[in-house]
Amino acid sequence: MIHTSAANVDRDFLRTEPIGKLLFKLALPTVVAQIINMFYNIVDRIYIGHIPETGDLALTGLGVCLPLIMIVSAFAALVSNGGAPRASIFMGAGDNVSAEKTLGNCFVTQIVVSLSLTAVLLVWNREFLLAFGASENTIGYAADYMNIYAIGTIFVQLTLGMNAFITAQGFATTGMLSVLVGAVLNIALDPLFIFAFDMGVEGAAVATVISQAASCAWVLIFLFGKRTTLKIRLACLKPEPRIIFPALALGLSAFVMQSSESVILICFNSSLQRYGGDIAVGAMTVASSVMQFALLPLQGLGQGAQPIVSYNFGAKDAARVKAAFKRLLAVSAAYASVLYVFAMSLPGVFAAMFTSSAELVDYTSYALRIYMAAMFMMGVQMACQMTFVAIGNAKASILVAVVRKFVLLLPLIYIMPAVFTADKTAAVFAAEPVADVLAVTFTAILFFFRFRKSLRSIAPDAASREGAGASD
């Protein structure tokens, strides 16, 4: 039997607590989780880049693996980033039955997707890696890593996918601990397997798979346990098109955003290999890692705000939805600006985290300043995009993701070096900030009109007033 009232009773603080306090309480653990997740993702690169003698080539080889790893994460986002906000909206509307069916349907879908991806990666990973920019010097390192990483695909899918449902219920600290369990274990196991056992990149992959399995176990124990408001139940595992298809449609924007990162990185790597060789691809590995450092906490802020926005949108409290977005926008913009200053002032510090090669540090420092030149604007982009998802506006969230990556950045990777021929490698790196400026402008204009329309749909006079519930 599925209970219908527990969600409203247990999660009603999402409607009653002051927005500022609530966002801090939910976003802080989520941001910490994203920062931990960032280290989870880049710690392999840091250790591998410092392997004596072969570290530079091994790091470049691992960098070629990143598009495949991003695709795995993108499929997790396809299911969870649509399912979790819809579950929150159902909870806000008092429909706990549909919320738990959403969780159960997404759980089954994640398993099916995981098994399919594992088969594909085990059979064709070498072909993919060569197409993604691996050279004769780096393909061995890349294939060694992916052959083992592929085995842990199901752990990645279930950890990332199901953890979103923990955060969506307001259990932000538990969601943070889910990531922390695997991250701490990975950081501890990496030097053991890479250096003590002398396994190199294969050791890094083994440590990652073990760590992901531990995080997965933590997440599932919670969602099958007594503390959760929404529980994985046998009665909810039967796929229902009316449940899973809208979730996948809403999650498509996150899928496009993350999978496009993979496609974009492939294009960057192939173009940089052509104009700058292995050192340029190595610099891109570091630059993309630093960009993750920048964007993951922004995503964490958005995920922390998501339960507030979604729950109150489902409850038709337009004033609190508007207030939550304003606070999210302010904090996101401030964070992006501060990180921009650090990236422009101390690029060598970021580069030195990943490699001991003075040549690669110098080259990356130069490239990083170009690549992240518009970072200060990304707080606006992420706040708007995450809010589109939180209110269930699948079309708008997909549109802004597609425009930024496919309409703008992808063509610019090839247009920029054709136009600015004096330094074609620098022109390739410059494609990122040029695309970001144009994308943020488009997103801000679209959001201004679509957000007001969404508010009017739940409260016709909401656009012209702010209720007492929106207090800070």
Foldseek 3Di string as FASTA:
>chain_A
DFDQALLCVVQVVLQFPALVVLLCLLLVLLLLLLLLVLCLVCVLLLVQQADPPCSLLLSLLQLLLVLVVLLLLLVLLLLQLLLLLVLLLCSLLRGNVLSLLSLQQSQLVLQVVLVVQLVCQLPCVLVSSVLLQRDPSRSVSNNLLSNLLSVLSSLSSQLSNLLLNCSLSVVSNLSSVLSVQLSVQLNVQQCCQVPVVVPRSNSSNVSSSVSSNSSNVSSQCVQCDDPDSHHNDPVSNPHDCVRRVLSSLLSVLSSLLRSLVSVLLSLLNVLCCVQPNSLLSSLVSLLVSVVSSLCSSLVSSLSSLLSSLSSCLSNLQLLQNVLNLVVQLVVLLVSQQVSLVCLLPCVLVSQVSRHPDPVSSVVSSVLNCLLCVQSSLVSLVSSLLSSCSSNSVSVLNNVLSCQLRPVQLVVQLVVQCVVVVPRSSSSNSNSNNVSVVVSSVVSVVVSVPPSLVSSCVSPVCSSPDRDPSNHD
